[in-house]
């Protein structure tokens, strides 16, 4: 009987990575932040309040400073 070995794939993001998101349905102006948790196809981002437009500060408050986005929507800061 062959043992199945789990292949540990390298995720494109790690906890602590600085990322930017150009646009989401919740924050259409985009934002920057830090990866707090990595899921299978998405990441939890701790939003940097300074990166959110003042007109969107209420949405930021409603989100408690965090949002989950697809990995394809985020890019690492250089």
PDB file of N, CA and C in Angstrom:
ATOM      1  N   UNK A   1       0.834  -1.180   0.000  1.00  0.00           N
ATOM      2  CA  UNK A   1       0.000   0.000   0.000  1.00  0.00           C
ATOM      3  C   UNK A   1       0.880   1.246   0.000  1.00  0.00           C
ATOM      4  N   UNK A   2       0.668   2.096  -0.926  1.00  0.00           N
ATOM      5  CA  UNK A   2       1.498   3.298  -1.036  1.00  0.00           C
ATOM      6  C   UNK A   2       0.977   4.386  -0.104  1.00  0.00           C
ATOM      7  N   UNK A   3       1.898   4.997   0.607  1.00  0.00           N
ATOM      8  CA  UNK A   3       1.512   6.115   1.467  1.00  0.00           C
ATOM      9  C   UNK A   3       1.361   7.363   0.617  1.00  0.00           C
ATOM     10  N   UNK A   4       0.292   8.082   0.885  1.00  0.00           N
ATOM     11  CA  UNK A   4       0.098   9.345   0.166  1.00  0.00           C
ATOM     12  C   UNK A   4       0.815  10.441   0.935  1.00  0.00           C
ATOM     13  N   UNK A   5       1.710  11.103   0.257  1.00  0.00           N
ATOM     14  CA  UNK A   5       2.433  12.205   0.876  1.00  0.00           C
ATOM     15  C   UNK A   5       1.767  13.512   0.492  1.00  0.00           C
ATOM     16  N   UNK A   6       1.586  14.337   1.486  1.00  0.00           N
ATOM     17  CA  UNK A   6       1.022  15.656   1.209  1.00  0.00           C
ATOM     18  C   UNK A   6       2.109  16.530   0.608  1.00  0.00           C
ATOM     19  N   UNK A   7       1.789  17.137  -0.485  1.00  0.00           N
ATOM     20  CA  UNK A   7       2.727  18.052  -1.123  1.00  0.00           C
ATOM     21  C   UNK A   7       2.481  19.427  -0.522  1.00  0.00           C
ATOM     22  N   UNK A   8       3.489  19.969   0.121  1.00  0.00           N
ATOM     23  CA  UNK A   8       3.363  21.272   0.763  1.00  0.00           C
ATOM     24  C   UNK A   8       3.639  22.357  -0.268  1.00  0.00           C
ATOM     25  N   UNK A   9       2.551  22.851  -0.857  1.00  0.00           N
ATOM     26  CA  UNK A   9       2.697  23.888  -1.883  1.00  0.00           C
ATOM     27  C   UNK A   9       3.028  25.221  -1.239  1.00  0.00           C
ATOM     28  N   UNK A  10       3.849  25.992  -1.909  1.00  0.00           N
ATOM     29  CA  UNK A  10       4.204  27.326  -1.438  1.00  0.00           C
ATOM     30  C   UNK A  10       3.064  28.278  -1.764  1.00  0.00           C
ATOM     31  N   UNK A  11       2.526  28.909  -0.742  1.00  0.00           N
ATOM     32  CA  UNK A  11       1.457  29.883  -0.928  1.00  0.00           C
ATOM     33  C   UNK A  11       2.074  31.203  -1.401  1.00  0.00           C
ATOM     34  N   UNK A  12       1.329  31.964  -2.188  1.00  0.00           N
ATOM     35  CA  UNK A  12       1.878  33.233  -2.674  1.00  0.00           C
ATOM     36  C   UNK A  12       2.014  34.300  -1.582  1.00  0.00           C
ATOM     37  N   UNK A  13       1.335  34.105  -0.443  1.00  0.00           N
ATOM     38  CA  UNK A  13       1.398  35.072   0.650  1.00  0.00           C
ATOM     39  C   UNK A  13       1.707  34.358   1.954  1.00  0.00           C
ATOM     40  N   UNK A  14       2.392  35.064   2.843  1.00  0.00           N
ATOM     41  CA  UNK A  14       2.678  34.563   4.184  1.00  0.00           C
ATOM     42  C   UNK A  14       2.155  35.576   5.190  1.00  0.00           C
ATOM     43  N   UNK A  15       1.901  35.122   6.410  1.00  0.00           N
ATOM     44  CA  UNK A  15       1.464  36.019   7.473  1.00  0.00           C
ATOM     45  C   UNK A  15       2.532  37.085   7.677  1.00  0.00           C
ATOM     46  N   UNK A  16       2.102  38.331   7.745  1.00  0.00           N
ATOM     47  CA  UNK A  16       3.025  39.447   7.933  1.00  0.00           C
ATOM     48  C   UNK A  16       3.406  40.167   6.653  1.00  0.00           C
ATOM     49  N   UNK A  17       3.066  39.601   5.498  1.00  0.00           N
ATOM     50  CA  UNK A  17       3.371  40.260   4.221  1.00  0.00           C
ATOM     51  C   UNK A  17       2.572  41.554   4.086  1.00  0.00           C
ATOM     52  N   UNK A  18       3.215  42.586   3.560  1.00  0.00           N
ATOM     53  CA  UNK A  18       2.539  43.844   3.250  1.00  0.00           C
ATOM     54  C   UNK A  18       1.920  43.706   1.863  1.00  0.00           C
ATOM     55  N   UNK A  19       0.620  44.016   1.738  1.00  0.00           N
ATOM     56  CA  UNK A  19      -0.078  43.852   0.466  1.00  0.00           C
ATOM     57  C   UNK A  19      -0.895  45.092   0.130  1.00  0.00           C
ATOM     58  N   UNK A  20      -1.241  45.211  -1.151  1.00  0.00           N
ATOM     59  CA  UNK A  20      -2.175  46.238  -1.601  1.00  0.00           C
ATOM     60  C   UNK A  20      -3.290  45.557  -2.370  1.00  0.00           C
ATOM     61  N   UNK A  21      -4.476  46.148  -2.273  1.00  0.00           N
ATOM     62  CA  UNK A  21      -5.643  45.671  -3.007  1.00  0.00           C
ATOM     63  C   UNK A  21      -6.199  46.869  -3.752  1.00  0.00           C
ATOM     64  N   UNK A  22      -6.317  46.745  -5.071  1.00  0.00           N
ATOM     65  CA  UNK A  22      -6.764  47.887  -5.873  1.00  0.00           C
ATOM     66  C   UNK A  22      -8.235  48.201  -5.674  1.00  0.00           C
ATOM     67  N   UNK A  23      -9.075  47.157  -5.567  1.00  0.00           N
ATOM     68  CA  UNK A  23     -10.506  47.410  -5.485  1.00  0.00           C
ATOM     69  C   UNK A  23     -11.223  46.172  -4.966  1.00  0.00           C
ATOM     70  N   UNK A  24     -12.198  46.363  -4.086  1.00  0.00           N
ATOM     71  CA  UNK A  24     -13.101  45.298  -3.669  1.00  0.00           C
ATOM     72  C   UNK A  24     -14.509  45.871  -3.660  1.00  0.00           C
ATOM     73  N   UNK A  25     -15.497  45.012  -3.520  1.00  0.00           N
ATOM     74  CA  UNK A  25     -16.874  45.498  -3.451  1.00  0.00           C
ATOM     75  C   UNK A  25     -17.095  46.342  -2.202  1.00  0.00           C
ATOM     76  N   UNK A  26     -16.431  45.992  -1.109  1.00  0.00           N
ATOM     77  CA  UNK A  26     -16.622  46.713   0.144  1.00  0.00           C
ATOM     78  C   UNK A  26     -15.850  48.025   0.198  1.00  0.00           C
ATOM     79  N   UNK A  27     -14.667  48.046  -0.394  1.00  0.00           N
ATOM     80  CA  UNK A  27     -13.835  49.252  -0.416  1.00  0.00           C
ATOM     81  C   UNK A  27     -13.376  49.504  -1.847  1.00  0.00           C
ATOM     82  N   UNK A  28     -14.215  50.145  -2.652  1.00  0.00           N
ATOM     83  CA  UNK A  28     -13.889  50.318  -4.071  1.00  0.00           C
ATOM     84  C   UNK A  28     -12.708  51.243  -4.351  1.00  0.00           C
ATOM     85  N   UNK A  29     -12.251  51.988  -3.349  1.00  0.00           N
ATOM     86  CA  UNK A  29     -11.103  52.868  -3.572  1.00  0.00           C
ATOM     87  C   UNK A  29      -9.777  52.152  -3.385  1.00  0.00           C
ATOM     88  N   UNK A  30      -9.808  50.916  -2.908  1.00  0.00           N
ATOM     89  CA  UNK A  30      -8.582  50.162  -2.672  1.00  0.00           C
ATOM     90  C   UNK A  30      -7.994  50.476  -1.310  1.00  0.00           C
ATOM     91  N   UNK A  31      -7.007  49.673  -0.911  1.00  0.00           N
ATOM     92  CA  UNK A  31      -6.386  49.847   0.400  1.00  0.00           C
ATOM     93  C   UNK A  31      -5.096  49.040   0.473  1.00  0.00           C
ATOM     94  N   UNK A  32      -4.352  49.257   1.544  1.00  0.00           N
ATOM     95  CA  UNK A  32      -3.129  48.500   1.824  1.00  0.00           C
ATOM     96  C   UNK A  32      -3.256  47.908   3.218  1.00  0.00           C
ATOM     97  N   UNK A  33      -2.464  46.882   3.484  1.00  0.00           N
ATOM     98  CA  UNK A  33      -2.519  46.276   4.805  1.00  0.00           C
ATOM     99  C   UNK A  33      -1.520  45.153   4.958  1.00  0.00           C
ATOM    100  N   UNK A  34      -1.705  44.389   6.029  1.00  0.00           N
ATOM    101  CA  UNK A  34      -0.815  43.291   6.377  1.00  0.00           C
ATOM    102  C   UNK A  34      -1.607  41.992   6.438  1.00  0.00           C
ATOM    103  N   UNK A  35      -1.035  40.923   5.890  1.00  0.00           N
ATOM    104  CA  UNK A  35      -1.699  39.620   5.919  1.00  0.00           C
ATOM    105  C   UNK A  35      -1.725  39.109   7.358  1.00  0.00           C
ATOM    106  N   UNK A  36      -2.933  38.802   7.843  1.00  0.00           N
ATOM    107  CA  UNK A  36      -3.092  38.287   9.197  1.00  0.00           C
ATOM    108  C   UNK A  36      -3.255  36.786   9.239  1.00  0.00           C
ATOM    109  N   UNK A  37      -3.849  36.222   8.182  1.00  0.00           N
ATOM    110  CA  UNK A  37      -4.062  34.779   8.124  1.00  0.00           C
ATOM    111  C   UNK A  37      -4.177  34.366   6.670  1.00  0.00           C
ATOM    112  N   UNK A  38      -3.672  33.182   6.354  1.00  0.00           N
ATOM    113  CA  UNK A  38      -3.718  32.665   4.987  1.00  0.00           C
ATOM    114  C   UNK A  38      -4.667  31.471   4.957  1.00  0.00           C
ATOM    115  N   UNK A  39      -5.657  31.540   4.085  1.00  0.00           N
ATOM    116  CA  UNK A  39      -6.590  30.440   3.875  1.00  0.00           C
ATOM    117  C   UNK A  39      -6.223  29.731   2.574  1.00  0.00           C
ATOM    118  N   UNK A  40      -7.044  28.779   2.147  1.00  0.00           N
ATOM    119  CA  UNK A  40      -6.728  28.010   0.947  1.00  0.00           C
ATOM    120  C   UNK A  40      -6.679  28.880  -0.307  1.00  0.00           C
ATOM    121  N   UNK A  41      -7.681  29.726  -0.511  1.00  0.00           N
ATOM    122  CA  UNK A  41      -7.739  30.565  -1.709  1.00  0.00           C
ATOM    123  C   UNK A  41      -7.880  32.050  -1.402  1.00  0.00           C
ATOM    124  N   UNK A  42      -7.795  32.417  -0.133  1.00  0.00           N
ATOM    125  CA  UNK A  42      -7.989  33.807   0.250  1.00  0.00           C
ATOM    126  C   UNK A  42      -7.081  34.152   1.426  1.00  0.00           C
ATOM    127  N   UNK A  43      -7.050  35.449   1.743  1.00  0.00           N
ATOM    128  CA  UNK A  43      -6.234  35.920   2.862  1.00  0.00           C
ATOM    129  C   UNK A  43      -7.026  36.929   3.689  1.00  0.00           C
ATOM    130  N   UNK A  44      -6.758  36.951   4.983  1.00  0.00           N
ATOM    131  CA  UNK A  44      -7.323  37.941   5.886  1.00  0.00           C
ATOM    132  C   UNK A  44      -6.326  39.084   5.963  1.00  0.00           C
ATOM    133  N   UNK A  45      -6.787  40.295   5.692  1.00  0.00           N
ATOM    134  CA  UNK A  45      -5.899  41.459   5.693  1.00  0.00           C
ATOM    135  C   UNK A  45      -6.301  42.413   6.805  1.00  0.00           C
ATOM    136  N   UNK A  46      -5.312  42.809   7.606  1.00  0.00           N
ATOM    137  CA  UNK A  46      -5.477  43.873   8.594  1.00  0.00           C
ATOM    138  C   UNK A  46      -5.265  45.178   7.832  1.00  0.00           C
ATOM    139  N   UNK A  47      -6.315  45.965   7.672  1.00  0.00           N
ATOM    140  CA  UNK A  47      -6.269  47.152   6.822  1.00  0.00           C
ATOM    141  C   UNK A  47      -5.524  48.290   7.511  1.00  0.00           C
ATOM    142  N   UNK A  48      -4.633  48.942   6.768  1.00  0.00           N
ATOM    143  CA  UNK A  48      -3.941  50.138   7.242  1.00  0.00           C
ATOM    144  C   UNK A  48      -4.912  51.312   7.093  1.00  0.00           C
ATOM    145  N   UNK A  49      -5.372  51.909   8.202  1.00  0.00           N
ATOM    146  CA  UNK A  49      -6.373  52.985   8.118  1.00  0.00           C
ATOM    147  C   UNK A  49      -5.916  54.185   7.293  1.00  0.00           C
ATOM    148  N   UNK A  50      -4.617  54.437   7.249  1.00  0.00           N
ATOM    149  CA  UNK A  50      -4.105  55.575   6.486  1.00  0.00           C
ATOM    150  C   UNK A  50      -4.254  55.371   4.982  1.00  0.00           C
ATOM    151  N   UNK A  51      -4.442  54.128   4.549  1.00  0.00           N
ATOM    152  CA  UNK A  51      -4.543  53.847   3.113  1.00  0.00           C
ATOM    153  C   UNK A  51      -5.971  53.932   2.588  1.00  0.00           C
ATOM    154  N   UNK A  52      -6.933  54.140   3.481  1.00  0.00           N
ATOM    155  CA  UNK A  52      -8.342  54.204   3.086  1.00  0.00           C
ATOM    156  C   UNK A  52      -8.768  55.664   2.996  1.00  0.00           C
ATOM    157  N   UNK A  53      -9.464  56.002   1.919  1.00  0.00           N
ATOM    158  CA  UNK A  53      -9.940  57.375   1.736  1.00  0.00           C
ATOM    159  C   UNK A  53     -10.870  57.762   2.888  1.00  0.00           C
ATOM    160  N   UNK A  54     -10.828  59.021   3.303  1.00  0.00           N
ATOM    161  CA  UNK A  54     -11.671  59.493   4.400  1.00  0.00           C
ATOM    162  C   UNK A  54     -13.148  59.233   4.152  1.00  0.00           C
ATOM    163  N   UNK A  55     -13.564  59.286   2.895  1.00  0.00           N
ATOM    164  CA  UNK A  55     -14.971  59.050   2.572  1.00  0.00           C
ATOM    165  C   UNK A  55     -15.378  57.600   2.831  1.00  0.00           C
ATOM    166  N   UNK A  56     -14.402  56.718   2.991  1.00  0.00           N
ATOM    167  CA  UNK A  56     -14.683  55.295   3.232  1.00  0.00           C
ATOM    168  C   UNK A  56     -14.378  54.877   4.672  1.00  0.00           C
ATOM    169  N   UNK A  57     -14.156  55.821   5.570  1.00  0.00           N
ATOM    170  CA  UNK A  57     -13.778  55.473   6.940  1.00  0.00           C
ATOM    171  C   UNK A  57     -14.900  54.748   7.680  1.00  0.00           C
ATOM    172  N   UNK A  58     -16.151  55.014   7.324  1.00  0.00           N
ATOM    173  CA  UNK A  58     -17.268  54.315   7.972  1.00  0.00           C
ATOM    174  C   UNK A  58     -17.265  52.830   7.610  1.00  0.00           C
ATOM    175  N   UNK A  59     -16.996  52.520   6.335  1.00  0.00           N
ATOM    176  CA  UNK A  59     -16.908  51.118   5.929  1.00  0.00           C
ATOM    177  C   UNK A  59     -15.759  50.421   6.658  1.00  0.00           C
ATOM    178  N   UNK A  60     -14.644  51.120   6.817  1.00  0.00           N
ATOM    179  CA  UNK A  60     -13.496  50.559   7.533  1.00  0.00           C
ATOM    180  C   UNK A  60     -13.887  50.229   8.972  1.00  0.00           C
ATOM    181  N   UNK A  61     -14.614  51.126   9.604  1.00  0.00           N
ATOM    182  CA  UNK A  61     -15.070  50.896  10.975  1.00  0.00           C
ATOM    183  C   UNK A  61     -16.012  49.692  11.029  1.00  0.00           C
ATOM    184  N   UNK A  62     -16.931  49.592  10.069  1.00  0.00           N
ATOM    185  CA  UNK A  62     -17.874  48.471  10.020  1.00  0.00           C
ATOM    186  C   UNK A  62     -17.162  47.134   9.831  1.00  0.00           C
ATOM    187  N   UNK A  63     -16.032  47.141   9.146  1.00  0.00           N
ATOM    188  CA  UNK A  63     -15.263  45.917   8.902  1.00  0.00           C
ATOM    189  C   UNK A  63     -14.322  45.578  10.060  1.00  0.00           C
ATOM    190  N   UNK A  64     -14.283  46.426  11.084  1.00  0.00           N
ATOM    191  CA  UNK A  64     -13.386  46.253  12.229  1.00  0.00           C
ATOM    192  C   UNK A  64     -11.923  46.184  11.797  1.00  0.00           C
ATOM    193  N   UNK A  65     -11.604  46.871  10.699  1.00  0.00           N
ATOM    194  CA  UNK A  65     -10.220  46.961  10.250  1.00  0.00           C
ATOM    195  C   UNK A  65      -9.675  45.718   9.581  1.00  0.00           C
ATOM    196  N   UNK A  66     -10.556  44.771   9.253  1.00  0.00           N
ATOM    197  CA  UNK A  66     -10.114  43.522   8.622  1.00  0.00           C
ATOM    198  C   UNK A  66     -11.035  43.171   7.470  1.00  0.00           C
ATOM    199  N   UNK A  67     -10.481  42.484   6.493  1.00  0.00           N
ATOM    200  CA  UNK A  67     -11.290  42.016   5.368  1.00  0.00           C
ATOM    201  C   UNK A  67     -10.630  40.772   4.770  1.00  0.00           C
ATOM    202  N   UNK A  68     -11.459  39.853   4.277  1.00  0.00           N
ATOM    203  CA  UNK A  68     -10.961  38.660   3.595  1.00  0.00           C
ATOM    204  C   UNK A  68     -11.124  38.883   2.098  1.00  0.00           C
ATOM    205  N   UNK A  69     -10.048  38.686   1.345  1.00  0.00           N
ATOM    206  CA  UNK A  69     -10.089  38.855  -0.113  1.00  0.00           C
ATOM    207  C   UNK A  69      -9.471  37.637  -0.788  1.00  0.00           C
ATOM    208  N   UNK A  70      -9.846  37.431  -2.046  1.00  0.00           N
ATOM    209  CA  UNK A  70      -9.214  36.369  -2.837  1.00  0.00           C
ATOM    210  C   UNK A  70      -7.743  36.709  -3.033  1.00  0.00           C
ATOM    211  N   UNK A  71      -6.919  35.693  -3.100  1.00  0.00           N
ATOM    212  CA  UNK A  71      -5.485  35.922  -3.316  1.00  0.00           C
ATOM    213  C   UNK A  71      -5.232  36.640  -4.633  1.00  0.00           C
ATOM    214  N   UNK A  72      -6.077  36.397  -5.623  1.00  0.00           N
ATOM    215  CA  UNK A  72      -5.885  37.018  -6.932  1.00  0.00           C
ATOM    216  C   UNK A  72      -6.141  38.521  -6.907  1.00  0.00           C
ATOM    217  N   UNK A  73      -6.832  39.029  -5.872  1.00  0.00           N
ATOM    218  CA  UNK A  73      -7.122  40.463  -5.781  1.00  0.00           C
ATOM    219  C   UNK A  73      -6.013  41.249  -5.093  1.00  0.00           C
ATOM    220  N   UNK A  74      -5.082  40.570  -4.448  1.00  0.00           N
ATOM    221  CA  UNK A  74      -4.031  41.245  -3.683  1.00  0.00           C
ATOM    222  C   UNK A  74      -2.677  41.092  -4.363  1.00  0.00           C
ATOM    223  N   UNK A  75      -1.827  42.097  -4.141  1.00  0.00           N
ATOM    224  CA  UNK A  75      -0.453  42.028  -4.637  1.00  0.00           C
ATOM    225  C   UNK A  75       0.492  42.411  -3.500  1.00  0.00           C
ATOM    226  N   UNK A  76       1.650  41.743  -3.451  1.00  0.00           N
ATOM    227  CA  UNK A  76       2.651  42.059  -2.433  1.00  0.00           C
ATOM    228  C   UNK A  76       3.289  43.401  -2.739  1.00  0.00           C
ATOM    229  N   UNK A  77       3.577  44.144  -1.678  1.00  0.00           N
ATOM    230  CA  UNK A  77       4.332  45.386  -1.854  1.00  0.00           C
ATOM    231  C   UNK A  77       5.784  45.022  -2.105  1.00  0.00           C
ATOM    232  N   UNK A  78       6.406  45.784  -2.971  1.00  0.00           N
ATOM    233  CA  UNK A  78       7.819  45.506  -3.302  1.00  0.00           C
ATOM    234  C   UNK A  78       8.749  46.031  -2.249  1.00  0.00           C
TER     235      UNK A  78
END
